[in-house]
Amino acid sequence: MQTDVPALAFADQTVRVLRRFRQIFNAVKAHFQHVEKVSGIGGAPLWALSVIRDRPGTGVGELARTMDIHQSTASNLVKALLDRGFIAAERNASDKRTVRLDILPAGKALLRRAPGPLAGVLPGALASLDRKTLARLEKDLGSLIAALDADETAAAVPLAQLLSTAPARRRPPAKRAARTRAPT
Protein backbone atom coordinates (compact mmCIF):
# COMPACT_ATOMS: atom_id res chain seq x y z
CA MET A 1 0.00 0.00 0.00
CA GLN A 2 1.42 3.36 -1.04
CA THR A 3 0.84 6.42 1.10
CA ASP A 4 -0.02 9.73 -0.57
CA VAL A 5 2.56 11.97 1.17
CA PRO A 6 1.23 15.31 -0.17
CA ALA A 7 -2.29 14.45 1.02
CA LEU A 8 -1.00 13.52 4.49
CA ALA A 9 1.08 16.71 4.68
CA PHE A 10 -2.00 18.77 3.72
CA ALA A 11 -4.10 16.98 6.37
CA ASP A 12 -1.40 17.63 8.99
CA GLN A 13 -1.26 21.30 8.00
CA THR A 14 -5.05 21.55 8.20
CA VAL A 15 -4.95 20.15 11.74
CA ARG A 16 -2.15 22.56 12.75
CA VAL A 17 -4.13 25.56 11.43
CA LEU A 18 -7.26 24.35 13.21
CA ARG A 19 -5.25 24.12 16.44
CA ARG A 20 -4.13 27.73 15.94
CA PHE A 21 -7.76 28.84 15.72
CA ARG A 22 -8.48 26.92 18.92
CA GLN A 23 -5.55 28.69 20.62
CA ILE A 24 -6.91 32.07 19.55
CA PHE A 25 -10.48 31.32 20.64
CA ASN A 26 -9.32 29.82 23.94
CA ALA A 27 -7.14 32.86 24.69
CA VAL A 28 -10.02 35.23 23.99
CA LYS A 29 -12.50 33.09 25.93
CA ALA A 30 -10.13 32.79 28.90
CA HIS A 31 -9.70 36.57 28.96
CA PHE A 32 -13.45 37.21 28.97
CA GLN A 33 -14.05 34.55 31.63
CA HIS A 34 -11.37 36.18 33.80
CA VAL A 35 -12.93 39.62 33.21
CA GLU A 36 -16.36 38.34 34.23
CA LYS A 37 -14.99 36.51 37.29
CA VAL A 38 -13.10 39.58 38.54
CA SER A 39 -15.62 42.28 37.63
CA GLY A 40 -18.93 40.41 37.74
CA ILE A 41 -19.87 41.72 34.31
CA GLY A 42 -19.35 40.33 30.82
CA GLY A 43 -16.82 41.61 28.31
CA ALA A 44 -19.26 43.36 25.98
CA PRO A 45 -20.99 45.42 28.72
CA LEU A 46 -17.59 46.25 30.21
CA TRP A 47 -16.31 47.44 26.84
CA ALA A 48 -19.48 49.53 26.34
CA LEU A 49 -19.02 51.04 29.80
CA SER A 50 -15.44 52.01 28.95
CA VAL A 51 -16.60 53.67 25.72
CA ILE A 52 -19.22 55.67 27.64
CA ARG A 53 -16.56 56.71 30.18
CA ASP A 54 -14.17 57.78 27.42
CA ARG A 55 -16.87 59.62 25.44
CA PRO A 56 -19.13 61.40 27.93
CA GLY A 57 -22.51 62.25 26.45
CA THR A 58 -22.26 59.63 23.72
CA GLY A 59 -25.48 58.27 22.28
CA VAL A 60 -26.57 54.72 21.54
CA GLY A 61 -25.87 55.11 17.82
CA GLU A 62 -22.34 56.37 18.45
CA LEU A 63 -21.77 53.54 20.92
CA ALA A 64 -22.87 51.04 18.28
CA ARG A 65 -20.53 52.57 15.68
CA THR A 66 -17.60 52.67 18.09
CA MET A 67 -18.05 49.01 19.06
CA ASP A 68 -18.97 48.01 15.49
CA ILE A 69 -22.20 46.37 16.61
CA HIS A 70 -25.86 46.65 15.61
CA GLN A 71 -27.80 49.48 17.24
CA SER A 72 -30.22 47.03 18.88
CA THR A 73 -27.26 45.24 20.48
CA ALA A 74 -25.97 48.58 21.77
CA SER A 75 -29.45 49.37 23.13
CA ASN A 76 -29.48 46.06 25.00
CA LEU A 77 -26.04 46.77 26.47
CA VAL A 78 -27.17 50.25 27.54
CA LYS A 79 -30.32 48.85 29.16
CA ALA A 80 -28.26 46.32 31.15
CA LEU A 81 -25.83 49.04 32.29
CA LEU A 82 -28.71 51.33 33.26
CA ASP A 83 -30.43 48.53 35.19
CA ARG A 84 -27.25 47.87 37.18
CA GLY A 85 -26.74 51.57 37.97
CA PHE A 86 -23.46 51.95 36.08
CA ILE A 87 -24.62 54.69 33.70
CA ALA A 88 -27.23 57.43 33.44
CA ALA A 89 -29.26 58.31 30.37
CA GLU A 90 -30.64 61.78 29.75
CA ARG A 91 -33.06 62.51 26.89
CA ASN A 92 -32.23 65.45 24.65
CA ALA A 93 -34.65 68.29 25.38
CA SER A 94 -35.17 69.18 21.71
CA ASP A 95 -35.15 65.62 20.28
CA LYS A 96 -36.62 63.06 22.68
CA ARG A 97 -35.36 60.21 20.45
CA THR A 98 -31.73 60.89 21.31
CA VAL A 99 -30.17 59.97 24.63
CA ARG A 100 -26.98 61.22 26.24
CA LEU A 101 -25.12 58.51 28.19
CA ASP A 102 -22.79 59.22 31.09
CA ILE A 103 -20.94 56.97 33.51
CA LEU A 104 -21.91 56.97 37.18
CA PRO A 105 -19.57 56.48 40.16
CA ALA A 106 -20.47 52.76 40.37
CA GLY A 107 -19.44 52.36 36.72
CA LYS A 108 -16.14 54.16 37.31
CA ALA A 109 -15.44 51.93 40.31
CA LEU A 110 -16.19 48.83 38.25
CA LEU A 111 -13.80 49.92 35.49
CA ARG A 112 -11.04 50.61 38.04
CA ARG A 113 -11.15 47.01 39.31
CA ALA A 114 -11.77 45.33 35.94
CA PRO A 115 -8.81 43.64 34.26
CA GLY A 116 -7.85 45.00 30.87
CA PRO A 117 -7.81 45.34 28.05
CA LEU A 118 -11.42 46.44 28.28
CA ALA A 119 -12.12 45.88 24.58
CA GLY A 120 -10.69 42.36 24.82
CA VAL A 121 -7.32 40.87 23.95
CA LEU A 122 -7.93 40.25 20.25
CA PRO A 123 -8.25 43.90 19.07
CA GLY A 124 -5.01 44.77 20.83
CA ALA A 125 -3.20 41.75 19.41
CA LEU A 126 -4.40 42.60 15.89
CA ALA A 127 -3.35 46.23 16.33
CA SER A 128 0.15 45.07 17.31
CA LEU A 129 0.67 43.36 13.94
CA ASP A 130 2.49 45.20 11.18
CA ARG A 131 0.39 46.44 8.24
CA LYS A 132 1.67 43.80 5.82
CA THR A 133 0.83 40.92 8.18
CA LEU A 134 -2.58 42.41 8.98
CA ALA A 135 -3.39 42.88 5.27
CA ARG A 136 -2.37 39.28 4.50
CA LEU A 137 -4.43 38.01 7.44
CA GLU A 138 -7.46 40.00 6.28
CA LYS A 139 -7.16 38.58 2.76
CA ASP A 140 -6.61 35.01 3.96
CA LEU A 141 -9.49 35.16 6.43
CA GLY A 142 -11.66 36.53 3.62
CA SER A 143 -10.86 33.40 1.61
CA LEU A 144 -11.73 31.20 4.60
CA ILE A 145 -15.00 33.07 5.18
CA ALA A 146 -15.92 32.63 1.52
CA ALA A 147 -15.12 28.91 1.71
CA LEU A 148 -17.39 28.65 4.76
CA ASP A 149 -20.17 30.60 3.04
CA ALA A 150 -20.37 32.36 6.40
CA ASP A 151 -23.26 34.56 7.44
CA GLU A 152 -22.04 38.15 7.05
CA THR A 153 -24.46 39.43 9.70
CA ALA A 154 -22.61 37.43 12.37
CA ALA A 155 -19.78 39.96 12.14
CA ALA A 156 -21.99 42.51 13.91
CA VAL A 157 -22.13 40.39 17.07
CA PRO A 158 -19.44 41.43 19.55
CA LEU A 159 -16.80 38.81 20.09
CA ALA A 160 -17.36 39.08 23.81
CA GLN A 161 -20.99 38.09 23.32
CA LEU A 162 -20.06 35.13 21.13
CA LEU A 163 -17.52 33.81 23.60
CA SER A 164 -19.19 34.63 26.91
CA THR A 165 -20.14 31.83 29.24
CA ALA A 166 -23.79 32.90 29.06
CA PRO A 167 -25.63 31.88 25.91
CA ALA A 168 -25.74 34.71 23.40
CA ARG A 169 -29.12 36.02 22.35
CA ARG A 170 -29.65 35.36 18.69
CA ARG A 171 -32.57 35.82 16.39
CA PRO A 172 -34.64 32.69 15.84
CA PRO A 173 -33.65 30.80 12.66
CA ALA A 174 -36.93 31.68 10.93
CA LYS A 175 -36.05 35.39 10.98
CA ARG A 176 -32.61 34.99 9.48
CA ALA A 177 -32.12 35.70 5.81
CA ALA A 178 -32.83 32.66 3.68
CA ARG A 179 -29.72 31.14 2.22
CA THR A 180 -29.31 28.43 -0.32
CA ARG A 181 -26.63 25.90 0.37
CA ALA A 182 -25.60 22.70 -1.17
CA PRO A 183 -26.16 19.74 1.17
CA THR A 184 -23.05 18.79 3.11
C-alpha atoms as a PDB file:
ATOM      1  CA  MET A   1       0.000   0.000   0.000  1.00  0.00           C
ATOM      2  CA  GLN A   2       1.419   3.356  -1.043  1.00  0.00           C
ATOM      3  CA  THR A   3       0.842   6.424   1.100  1.00  0.00           C
ATOM      4  CA  ASP A   4      -0.023   9.732  -0.572  1.00  0.00           C
ATOM      5  CA  VAL A   5       2.560  11.973   1.166  1.00  0.00           C
ATOM      6  CA  PRO A   6       1.230  15.313  -0.167  1.00  0.00           C
ATOM      7  CA  ALA A   7      -2.290  14.453   1.021  1.00  0.00           C
ATOM      8  CA  LEU A   8      -0.997  13.524   4.485  1.00  0.00           C
ATOM      9  CA  ALA A   9       1.076  16.711   4.679  1.00  0.00           C
ATOM     10  CA  PHE A  10      -2.004  18.766   3.721  1.00  0.00           C
ATOM     11  CA  ALA A  11      -4.102  16.980   6.374  1.00  0.00           C
ATOM     12  CA  ASP A  12      -1.404  17.627   8.991  1.00  0.00           C
ATOM     13  CA  GLN A  13      -1.259  21.296   8.003  1.00  0.00           C
ATOM     14  CA  THR A  14      -5.049  21.552   8.204  1.00  0.00           C
ATOM     15  CA  VAL A  15      -4.946  20.146  11.742  1.00  0.00           C
ATOM     16  CA  ARG A  16      -2.153  22.562  12.746  1.00  0.00           C
ATOM     17  CA  VAL A  17      -4.131  25.559  11.427  1.00  0.00           C
ATOM     18  CA  LEU A  18      -7.256  24.346  13.214  1.00  0.00           C
ATOM     19  CA  ARG A  19      -5.247  24.119  16.439  1.00  0.00           C
ATOM     20  CA  ARG A  20      -4.125  27.726  15.938  1.00  0.00           C
ATOM     21  CA  PHE A  21      -7.762  28.843  15.723  1.00  0.00           C
ATOM     22  CA  ARG A  22      -8.475  26.919  18.921  1.00  0.00           C
ATOM     23  CA  GLN A  23      -5.551  28.685  20.623  1.00  0.00           C
ATOM     24  CA  ILE A  24      -6.908  32.067  19.553  1.00  0.00           C
ATOM     25  CA  PHE A  25     -10.481  31.322  20.639  1.00  0.00           C
ATOM     26  CA  ASN A  26      -9.320  29.817  23.935  1.00  0.00           C
ATOM     27  CA  ALA A  27      -7.136  32.856  24.695  1.00  0.00           C
ATOM     28  CA  VAL A  28     -10.023  35.231  23.988  1.00  0.00           C
ATOM     29  CA  LYS A  29     -12.501  33.089  25.926  1.00  0.00           C
ATOM     30  CA  ALA A  30     -10.131  32.791  28.903  1.00  0.00           C
ATOM     31  CA  HIS A  31      -9.701  36.574  28.956  1.00  0.00           C
ATOM     32  CA  PHE A  32     -13.446  37.213  28.972  1.00  0.00           C
ATOM     33  CA  GLN A  33     -14.047  34.547  31.630  1.00  0.00           C
ATOM     34  CA  HIS A  34     -11.374  36.183  33.799  1.00  0.00           C
ATOM     35  CA  VAL A  35     -12.928  39.618  33.210  1.00  0.00           C
ATOM     36  CA  GLU A  36     -16.357  38.340  34.232  1.00  0.00           C
ATOM     37  CA  LYS A  37     -14.993  36.507  37.288  1.00  0.00           C
ATOM     38  CA  VAL A  38     -13.098  39.578  38.544  1.00  0.00           C
ATOM     39  CA  SER A  39     -15.621  42.283  37.627  1.00  0.00           C
ATOM     40  CA  GLY A  40     -18.934  40.414  37.741  1.00  0.00           C
ATOM     41  CA  ILE A  41     -19.874  41.724  34.311  1.00  0.00           C
ATOM     42  CA  GLY A  42     -19.350  40.331  30.821  1.00  0.00           C
ATOM     43  CA  GLY A  43     -16.816  41.610  28.314  1.00  0.00           C
ATOM     44  CA  ALA A  44     -19.261  43.361  25.982  1.00  0.00           C
ATOM     45  CA  PRO A  45     -20.992  45.416  28.718  1.00  0.00           C
ATOM     46  CA  LEU A  46     -17.595  46.252  30.209  1.00  0.00           C
ATOM     47  CA  TRP A  47     -16.311  47.441  26.839  1.00  0.00           C
ATOM     48  CA  ALA A  48     -19.478  49.530  26.343  1.00  0.00           C
ATOM     49  CA  LEU A  49     -19.016  51.039  29.795  1.00  0.00           C
ATOM     50  CA  SER A  50     -15.438  52.009  28.947  1.00  0.00           C
ATOM     51  CA  VAL A  51     -16.603  53.671  25.718  1.00  0.00           C
ATOM     52  CA  ILE A  52     -19.223  55.668  27.635  1.00  0.00           C
ATOM     53  CA  ARG A  53     -16.564  56.706  30.177  1.00  0.00           C
ATOM     54  CA  ASP A  54     -14.173  57.779  27.421  1.00  0.00           C
ATOM     55  CA  ARG A  55     -16.868  59.623  25.442  1.00  0.00           C
ATOM     56  CA  PRO A  56     -19.135  61.400  27.934  1.00  0.00           C
ATOM     57  CA  GLY A  57     -22.506  62.247  26.454  1.00  0.00           C
ATOM     58  CA  THR A  58     -22.257  59.632  23.722  1.00  0.00           C
ATOM     59  CA  GLY A  59     -25.477  58.267  22.281  1.00  0.00           C
ATOM     60  CA  VAL A  60     -26.569  54.724  21.542  1.00  0.00           C
ATOM     61  CA  GLY A  61     -25.868  55.114  17.815  1.00  0.00           C
ATOM     62  CA  GLU A  62     -22.344  56.373  18.446  1.00  0.00           C
ATOM     63  CA  LEU A  63     -21.772  53.542  20.920  1.00  0.00           C
ATOM     64  CA  ALA A  64     -22.871  51.036  18.276  1.00  0.00           C
ATOM     65  CA  ARG A  65     -20.531  52.570  15.677  1.00  0.00           C
ATOM     66  CA  THR A  66     -17.602  52.672  18.091  1.00  0.00           C
ATOM     67  CA  MET A  67     -18.049  49.014  19.062  1.00  0.00           C
ATOM     68  CA  ASP A  68     -18.973  48.011  15.487  1.00  0.00           C
ATOM     69  CA  ILE A  69     -22.196  46.372  16.609  1.00  0.00           C
ATOM     70  CA  HIS A  70     -25.857  46.652  15.614  1.00  0.00           C
ATOM     71  CA  GLN A  71     -27.797  49.479  17.236  1.00  0.00           C
ATOM     72  CA  SER A  72     -30.224  47.027  18.875  1.00  0.00           C
ATOM     73  CA  THR A  73     -27.256  45.236  20.483  1.00  0.00           C
ATOM     74  CA  ALA A  74     -25.969  48.583  21.770  1.00  0.00           C
ATOM     75  CA  SER A  75     -29.449  49.374  23.126  1.00  0.00           C
ATOM     76  CA  ASN A  76     -29.484  46.057  25.004  1.00  0.00           C
ATOM     77  CA  LEU A  77     -26.036  46.770  26.468  1.00  0.00           C
ATOM     78  CA  VAL A  78     -27.172  50.254  27.544  1.00  0.00           C
ATOM     79  CA  LYS A  79     -30.317  48.848  29.165  1.00  0.00           C
ATOM     80  CA  ALA A  80     -28.256  46.322  31.153  1.00  0.00           C
ATOM     81  CA  LEU A  81     -25.829  49.036  32.286  1.00  0.00           C
ATOM     82  CA  LEU A  82     -28.713  51.335  33.262  1.00  0.00           C
ATOM     83  CA  ASP A  83     -30.431  48.534  35.194  1.00  0.00           C
ATOM     84  CA  ARG A  84     -27.248  47.873  37.185  1.00  0.00           C
ATOM     85  CA  GLY A  85     -26.743  51.570  37.975  1.00  0.00           C
ATOM     86  CA  PHE A  86     -23.457  51.947  36.077  1.00  0.00           C
ATOM     87  CA  ILE A  87     -24.624  54.687  33.696  1.00  0.00           C
ATOM     88  CA  ALA A  88     -27.230  57.426  33.441  1.00  0.00           C
ATOM     89  CA  ALA A  89     -29.262  58.314  30.366  1.00  0.00           C
ATOM     90  CA  GLU A  90     -30.641  61.784  29.749  1.00  0.00           C
ATOM     91  CA  ARG A  91     -33.061  62.514  26.895  1.00  0.00           C
ATOM     92  CA  ASN A  92     -32.234  65.451  24.647  1.00  0.00           C
ATOM     93  CA  ALA A  93     -34.651  68.293  25.384  1.00  0.00           C
ATOM     94  CA  SER A  94     -35.167  69.178  21.706  1.00  0.00           C
ATOM     95  CA  ASP A  95     -35.151  65.624  20.277  1.00  0.00           C
ATOM     96  CA  LYS A  96     -36.617  63.064  22.675  1.00  0.00           C
ATOM     97  CA  ARG A  97     -35.361  60.214  20.450  1.00  0.00           C
ATOM     98  CA  THR A  98     -31.727  60.889  21.310  1.00  0.00           C
ATOM     99  CA  VAL A  99     -30.171  59.967  24.629  1.00  0.00           C
ATOM    100  CA  ARG A 100     -26.981  61.216  26.244  1.00  0.00           C
ATOM    101  CA  LEU A 101     -25.120  58.509  28.186  1.00  0.00           C
ATOM    102  CA  ASP A 102     -22.793  59.220  31.094  1.00  0.00           C
ATOM    103  CA  ILE A 103     -20.942  56.974  33.509  1.00  0.00           C
ATOM    104  CA  LEU A 104     -21.907  56.973  37.184  1.00  0.00           C
ATOM    105  CA  PRO A 105     -19.566  56.478  40.162  1.00  0.00           C
ATOM    106  CA  ALA A 106     -20.469  52.760  40.371  1.00  0.00           C
ATOM    107  CA  GLY A 107     -19.441  52.355  36.719  1.00  0.00           C
ATOM    108  CA  LYS A 108     -16.144  54.155  37.310  1.00  0.00           C
ATOM    109  CA  ALA A 109     -15.437  51.929  40.310  1.00  0.00           C
ATOM    110  CA  LEU A 110     -16.189  48.826  38.251  1.00  0.00           C
ATOM    111  CA  LEU A 111     -13.804  49.922  35.487  1.00  0.00           C
ATOM    112  CA  ARG A 112     -11.037  50.607  38.044  1.00  0.00           C
ATOM    113  CA  ARG A 113     -11.153  47.013  39.309  1.00  0.00           C
ATOM    114  CA  ALA A 114     -11.771  45.328  35.943  1.00  0.00           C
ATOM    115  CA  PRO A 115      -8.811  43.643  34.259  1.00  0.00           C
ATOM    116  CA  GLY A 116      -7.852  44.998  30.874  1.00  0.00           C
ATOM    117  CA  PRO A 117      -7.806  45.337  28.049  1.00  0.00           C
ATOM    118  CA  LEU A 118     -11.423  46.438  28.284  1.00  0.00           C
ATOM    119  CA  ALA A 119     -12.123  45.883  24.580  1.00  0.00           C
ATOM    120  CA  GLY A 120     -10.688  42.357  24.821  1.00  0.00           C
ATOM    121  CA  VAL A 121      -7.316  40.871  23.948  1.00  0.00           C
ATOM    122  CA  LEU A 122      -7.929  40.253  20.250  1.00  0.00           C
ATOM    123  CA  PRO A 123      -8.249  43.900  19.073  1.00  0.00           C
ATOM    124  CA  GLY A 124      -5.006  44.767  20.831  1.00  0.00           C
ATOM    125  CA  ALA A 125      -3.200  41.750  19.415  1.00  0.00           C
ATOM    126  CA  LEU A 126      -4.397  42.596  15.895  1.00  0.00           C
ATOM    127  CA  ALA A 127      -3.345  46.230  16.334  1.00  0.00           C
ATOM    128  CA  SER A 128       0.149  45.075  17.311  1.00  0.00           C
ATOM    129  CA  LEU A 129       0.671  43.361  13.938  1.00  0.00           C
ATOM    130  CA  ASP A 130       2.490  45.200  11.178  1.00  0.00           C
ATOM    131  CA  ARG A 131       0.392  46.439   8.245  1.00  0.00           C
ATOM    132  CA  LYS A 132       1.669  43.797   5.823  1.00  0.00           C
ATOM    133  CA  THR A 133       0.826  40.925   8.176  1.00  0.00           C
ATOM    134  CA  LEU A 134      -2.578  42.408   8.977  1.00  0.00           C
ATOM    135  CA  ALA A 135      -3.393  42.878   5.267  1.00  0.00           C
ATOM    136  CA  ARG A 136      -2.375  39.277   4.501  1.00  0.00           C
ATOM    137  CA  LEU A 137      -4.430  38.008   7.441  1.00  0.00           C
ATOM    138  CA  GLU A 138      -7.461  39.999   6.276  1.00  0.00           C
ATOM    139  CA  LYS A 139      -7.158  38.575   2.763  1.00  0.00           C
ATOM    140  CA  ASP A 140      -6.609  35.010   3.959  1.00  0.00           C
ATOM    141  CA  LEU A 141      -9.489  35.162   6.431  1.00  0.00           C
ATOM    142  CA  GLY A 142     -11.665  36.533   3.617  1.00  0.00           C
ATOM    143  CA  SER A 143     -10.856  33.396   1.613  1.00  0.00           C
ATOM    144  CA  LEU A 144     -11.733  31.199   4.601  1.00  0.00           C
ATOM    145  CA  ILE A 145     -15.001  33.070   5.181  1.00  0.00           C
ATOM    146  CA  ALA A 146     -15.921  32.635   1.518  1.00  0.00           C
ATOM    147  CA  ALA A 147     -15.122  28.907   1.714  1.00  0.00           C
ATOM    148  CA  LEU A 148     -17.387  28.650   4.762  1.00  0.00           C
ATOM    149  CA  ASP A 149     -20.166  30.603   3.038  1.00  0.00           C
ATOM    150  CA  ALA A 150     -20.366  32.364   6.403  1.00  0.00           C
ATOM    151  CA  ASP A 151     -23.262  34.559   7.444  1.00  0.00           C
ATOM    152  CA  GLU A 152     -22.042  38.151   7.048  1.00  0.00           C
ATOM    153  CA  THR A 153     -24.464  39.428   9.700  1.00  0.00           C
ATOM    154  CA  ALA A 154     -22.613  37.427  12.367  1.00  0.00           C
ATOM    155  CA  ALA A 155     -19.782  39.960  12.140  1.00  0.00           C
ATOM    156  CA  ALA A 156     -21.994  42.508  13.911  1.00  0.00           C
ATOM    157  CA  VAL A 157     -22.134  40.388  17.069  1.00  0.00           C
ATOM    158  CA  PRO A 158     -19.435  41.433  19.546  1.00  0.00           C
ATOM    159  CA  LEU A 159     -16.796  38.805  20.085  1.00  0.00           C
ATOM    160  CA  ALA A 160     -17.359  39.084  23.805  1.00  0.00           C
ATOM    161  CA  GLN A 161     -20.989  38.095  23.320  1.00  0.00           C
ATOM    162  CA  LEU A 162     -20.065  35.132  21.131  1.00  0.00           C
ATOM    163  CA  LEU A 163     -17.516  33.809  23.604  1.00  0.00           C
ATOM    164  CA  SER A 164     -19.186  34.631  26.912  1.00  0.00           C
ATOM    165  CA  THR A 165     -20.144  31.832  29.238  1.00  0.00           C
ATOM    166  CA  ALA A 166     -23.786  32.896  29.065  1.00  0.00           C
ATOM    167  CA  PRO A 167     -25.631  31.881  25.910  1.00  0.00           C
ATOM    168  CA  ALA A 168     -25.736  34.709  23.397  1.00  0.00           C
ATOM    169  CA  ARG A 169     -29.123  36.016  22.346  1.00  0.00           C
ATOM    170  CA  ARG A 170     -29.649  35.364  18.693  1.00  0.00           C
ATOM    171  CA  ARG A 171     -32.565  35.824  16.385  1.00  0.00           C
ATOM    172  CA  PRO A 172     -34.645  32.694  15.837  1.00  0.00           C
ATOM    173  CA  PRO A 173     -33.646  30.800  12.665  1.00  0.00           C
ATOM    174  CA  ALA A 174     -36.931  31.677  10.928  1.00  0.00           C
ATOM    175  CA  LYS A 175     -36.054  35.388  10.977  1.00  0.00           C
ATOM    176  CA  ARG A 176     -32.606  34.991   9.475  1.00  0.00           C
ATOM    177  CA  ALA A 177     -32.116  35.705   5.815  1.00  0.00           C
ATOM    178  CA  ALA A 178     -32.832  32.660   3.678  1.00  0.00           C
ATOM    179  CA  ARG A 179     -29.721  31.140   2.219  1.00  0.00           C
ATOM    180  CA  THR A 180     -29.313  28.433  -0.321  1.00  0.00           C
ATOM    181  CA  ARG A 181     -26.632  25.902   0.369  1.00  0.00           C
ATOM    182  CA  ALA A 182     -25.602  22.702  -1.167  1.00  0.00           C
ATOM    183  CA  PRO A 183     -26.156  19.737   1.166  1.00  0.00           C
ATOM    184  CA  THR A 184     -23.046  18.793   3.113  1.00  0.00           C
END
